[in-house]
Protein backbone atom coordinates (compact mmCIF):
# COMPACT_ATOMS: atom_id res chain seq x y z
CA HIS A 1 -33.76 -23.20 32.44
CA GLN A 2 -36.96 -21.46 31.50
CA ARG A 3 -39.96 -23.31 30.22
CA CYS A 4 -41.47 -21.87 27.08
CA ASP A 5 -44.84 -22.83 25.76
CA ALA A 6 -44.66 -22.94 22.03
CA VAL A 7 -47.51 -22.56 19.65
CA GLY A 8 -49.05 -25.94 19.34
CA SER A 9 -48.81 -28.79 21.77
CA ARG A 10 -45.01 -28.95 22.36
CA ALA A 11 -43.09 -27.00 24.98
CA PHE A 12 -39.31 -26.65 25.28
CA SER A 13 -36.69 -25.39 27.73
CA VAL A 14 -34.29 -22.52 27.01
CA ASP A 15 -30.97 -22.27 28.79
CA PRO A 16 -30.04 -18.55 29.08
CA MET A 17 -26.30 -19.39 28.97
CA THR A 18 -26.74 -21.29 25.72
CA VAL A 19 -28.56 -18.32 24.21
CA ALA A 20 -25.86 -15.93 25.44
CA TRP A 21 -23.04 -18.07 24.02
CA THR A 22 -24.88 -18.44 20.72
CA ILE A 23 -25.30 -14.67 20.41
CA PHE A 24 -21.65 -14.14 21.40
CA LEU A 25 -20.39 -16.64 18.78
CA ILE A 26 -22.58 -15.11 16.06
CA ALA A 27 -21.23 -11.64 16.97
CA ILE A 28 -17.63 -12.89 16.83
CA LEU A 29 -18.28 -14.53 13.46
CA LEU A 30 -19.79 -11.30 12.15
CA VAL A 31 -16.82 -9.22 13.34
CA VAL A 32 -14.31 -11.65 11.81
CA THR A 33 -16.24 -11.64 8.51
CA VAL A 34 -16.25 -7.83 8.39
CA LEU A 35 -12.51 -7.71 9.20
CA ILE A 36 -11.72 -10.21 6.45
CA ALA A 37 -13.81 -8.19 3.98
CA VAL A 38 -12.04 -4.94 4.91
CA ILE A 39 -8.57 -6.50 4.75
CA TRP A 40 -9.38 -8.14 1.40
CA THR A 41 -10.66 -4.86 -0.03
CA LEU A 42 -7.55 -2.98 1.11
CA THR A 43 -5.08 -5.57 -0.14
CA HIS A 44 -6.87 -6.49 -3.39
CA PRO A 45 -8.20 -3.23 -4.75
CA GLY A 46 -10.74 -3.77 -7.44
CA GLU A 47 -12.25 -1.27 -9.82
CA TRP A 48 -14.80 -0.08 -7.25
CA THR A 49 -12.12 0.46 -4.57
CA LEU A 50 -9.83 2.37 -6.94
CA ARG A 51 -12.68 4.65 -8.01
CA ARG A 52 -13.61 5.39 -4.39
CA VAL A 53 -10.03 6.03 -3.22
CA SER A 54 -9.15 8.15 -6.25
CA GLY A 55 -12.28 10.21 -5.55
CA PHE A 56 -10.83 11.13 -2.14
CA TYR A 57 -7.45 12.06 -3.66
CA PRO A 58 -8.12 13.44 -7.15
CA SER A 59 -4.61 14.91 -7.47
CA CYS A 60 -3.00 11.46 -7.06
CA LEU A 61 -2.48 9.02 -9.90
CA PHE A 62 -3.94 5.56 -9.34
CA ARG A 63 -4.44 4.39 -12.89
CA ILE A 64 -4.44 5.59 -16.49
CA ALA A 65 -7.20 4.60 -18.86
CA THR A 66 -5.81 3.25 -22.13
CA SER A 67 -6.95 1.03 -24.94
CA GLU A 68 -3.44 -0.44 -25.17
CA ARG A 69 -2.28 -3.46 -23.25
CA ALA A 70 0.10 -1.90 -20.75
CA LEU A 71 1.53 -2.55 -17.34
CA ALA A 72 3.30 -0.08 -15.08
CA LEU A 73 5.90 -1.93 -13.07
CA THR A 74 7.01 -0.25 -9.86
CA ILE A 75 9.71 -1.39 -7.46
CA ASP A 76 9.61 -0.14 -3.86
CA ASP A 77 12.39 0.21 -1.31
CA ALA A 78 15.23 0.50 -3.82
CA PRO A 79 18.13 0.27 -4.15
CA HIS A 80 18.78 -2.80 -2.05
CA PRO A 81 22.07 -4.67 -2.56
CA ASP A 82 20.48 -8.09 -2.08
CA VAL A 83 17.65 -7.72 -4.61
CA THR A 84 18.20 -4.76 -6.96
CA PRO A 85 20.93 -6.42 -9.10
CA GLY A 86 18.68 -9.44 -9.71
CA ILE A 87 15.69 -7.25 -10.55
CA LEU A 88 17.80 -5.24 -13.01
CA GLU A 89 19.07 -8.43 -14.65
CA GLU A 90 15.54 -9.79 -15.05
CA LEU A 91 14.30 -6.50 -16.50
CA ARG A 92 17.22 -6.52 -18.98
CA ARG A 93 16.36 -10.09 -20.04
CA HIS A 94 12.85 -8.95 -20.95
CA ASP A 95 13.81 -5.51 -22.28
CA ALA A 96 11.45 -4.01 -19.73
CA ARG A 97 11.50 -0.72 -17.86
CA ALA A 98 10.24 0.05 -14.38
CA THR A 99 9.88 2.92 -11.96
CA PHE A 100 12.08 2.42 -8.90
CA PHE A 101 10.84 4.14 -5.76
CA ILE A 102 14.06 5.17 -4.07
CA ILE A 103 14.63 5.26 -0.31
CA GLY A 104 17.19 8.03 0.17
CA SER A 105 19.23 6.33 2.90
CA TYR A 106 19.57 3.24 0.68
CA ALA A 107 20.60 5.42 -2.28
CA LYS A 108 23.18 7.20 -0.14
CA ALA A 109 24.64 3.85 0.98
CA HIS A 110 24.56 2.29 -2.52
CA PRO A 111 25.01 5.05 -5.14
CA HIS A 112 26.42 2.52 -7.64
CA LEU A 113 23.02 0.79 -7.66
CA VAL A 114 21.23 4.10 -8.32
CA ASP A 115 23.66 4.64 -11.22
CA ALA A 116 22.89 1.13 -12.54
CA ILE A 117 19.13 1.74 -12.35
CA ARG A 118 19.55 5.04 -14.18
CA ALA A 119 21.96 3.57 -16.77
CA ASP A 120 19.44 0.88 -17.70
CA GLY A 121 16.86 3.57 -18.51
CA HIS A 122 14.54 3.12 -15.55
CA GLU A 123 12.66 5.95 -13.91
CA LEU A 124 13.60 7.06 -10.40
CA ALA A 125 10.89 8.16 -7.97
CA ASN A 126 10.84 9.27 -4.35
CA HIS A 127 9.98 6.87 -1.51
CA LEU A 128 11.37 9.23 1.18
CA PHE A 129 14.67 9.02 3.01
CA THR A 130 13.93 6.29 5.55
CA ASP A 131 11.72 3.23 5.46
CA ARG A 132 9.07 4.52 7.90
CA MET A 133 5.32 4.99 7.79
CA SER A 134 4.86 8.48 6.34
CA ALA A 135 1.55 9.07 8.10
CA ARG A 136 3.40 8.99 11.44
CA LEU A 137 5.91 11.68 10.43
CA ASN A 138 5.21 15.26 11.41
CA ASP A 139 5.16 17.90 8.66
CA ALA A 140 8.80 18.94 9.08
CA GLU A 141 10.03 15.32 9.10
CA PHE A 142 8.02 14.46 5.99
CA VAL A 143 9.28 17.49 4.03
CA ASP A 144 12.86 16.79 5.15
CA GLU A 145 12.66 13.14 4.03
CA LEU A 146 11.13 14.16 0.71
CA THR A 147 13.66 16.89 -0.10
CA ARG A 148 16.69 14.86 1.01
CA THR A 149 15.70 12.02 -1.32
CA ASP A 150 14.89 14.43 -4.16
CA ALA A 151 18.39 15.89 -3.79
CA LEU A 152 19.92 12.42 -4.25
CA ILE A 153 17.80 11.68 -7.33
CA GLN A 154 17.89 15.10 -8.97
CA PRO A 155 21.42 15.40 -10.21
CA LEU A 156 20.21 13.73 -13.43
CA ASP A 157 16.47 13.20 -12.96
CA THR A 158 13.62 15.26 -11.55
CA PRO A 159 11.34 12.87 -9.66
CA ARG A 160 7.79 13.00 -10.95
CA TRP A 161 6.36 10.60 -8.41
CA CYS A 162 6.36 10.15 -4.65
CA ARG A 163 5.00 7.10 -2.89
CA PRO A 164 4.66 7.65 0.85
CA GLY A 165 6.15 5.06 3.19
CA SER A 166 3.75 2.16 3.80
CA GLY A 167 1.62 3.51 0.95
CA ILE A 168 -0.75 5.30 3.31
CA LEU A 169 -2.08 8.53 1.84
CA THR A 170 -3.53 11.32 3.91
CA THR A 171 -4.76 14.74 2.87
CA ARG A 172 -1.95 16.21 5.00
CA ILE A 173 0.71 14.29 3.07
CA ILE A 174 -0.78 15.33 -0.27
CA ARG A 175 -0.87 18.96 0.84
CA LEU A 176 2.82 18.83 1.78
C-alpha cells in the first residue's frame, strides 16, 4: 500500500493491485463493448452501414430506392429437400415471388426442386457450387464454382445475381 496525501486534511491508501485490476476490468469492458458494437453493426445493417459498404463496392447492388412499398425476398442455399418445398408452398399461399440463390451441388442433386422453383415463377441466382466461404477460395476455384452453377441454371435462365458464400465481398471476388 502507498500512502497518498490528498488535498485537504484526509489521506488514503492505494493498493497497486487494486488499481491494476480496476484498469484491467475497464479495458476488458471496453473491448467487449467495441466487439458487441461491431457485431451488431455487421449483423443489423442500418442506413449508415449500407451507404458505407455500398461506397466500397459501387458495382454491387445493396438496395434500390423506390417510393413504392416493396420487399425483395431472397432465399439462400437452395434447393434443399428439407426446406425448399415448404418455402415454395408458403410463397404460393401468398402469391409471392422470391429470388433463390442456388448452390450448384444442391441443384445437381435435386434438379426436380430447381424445376419447381422455376415453374412457380421465381428467379434463380448463383450462390456458387459448394457451400463454402468464397473469400477463402483462390481465383480458379471461385471461377470454377461460379461457372459450374451458372451452367446448371442457364438452360432456361441467365443468372443476373451472384451472392458469394458466407456473404463476404472482397474486391478480388467482384473483379472475378
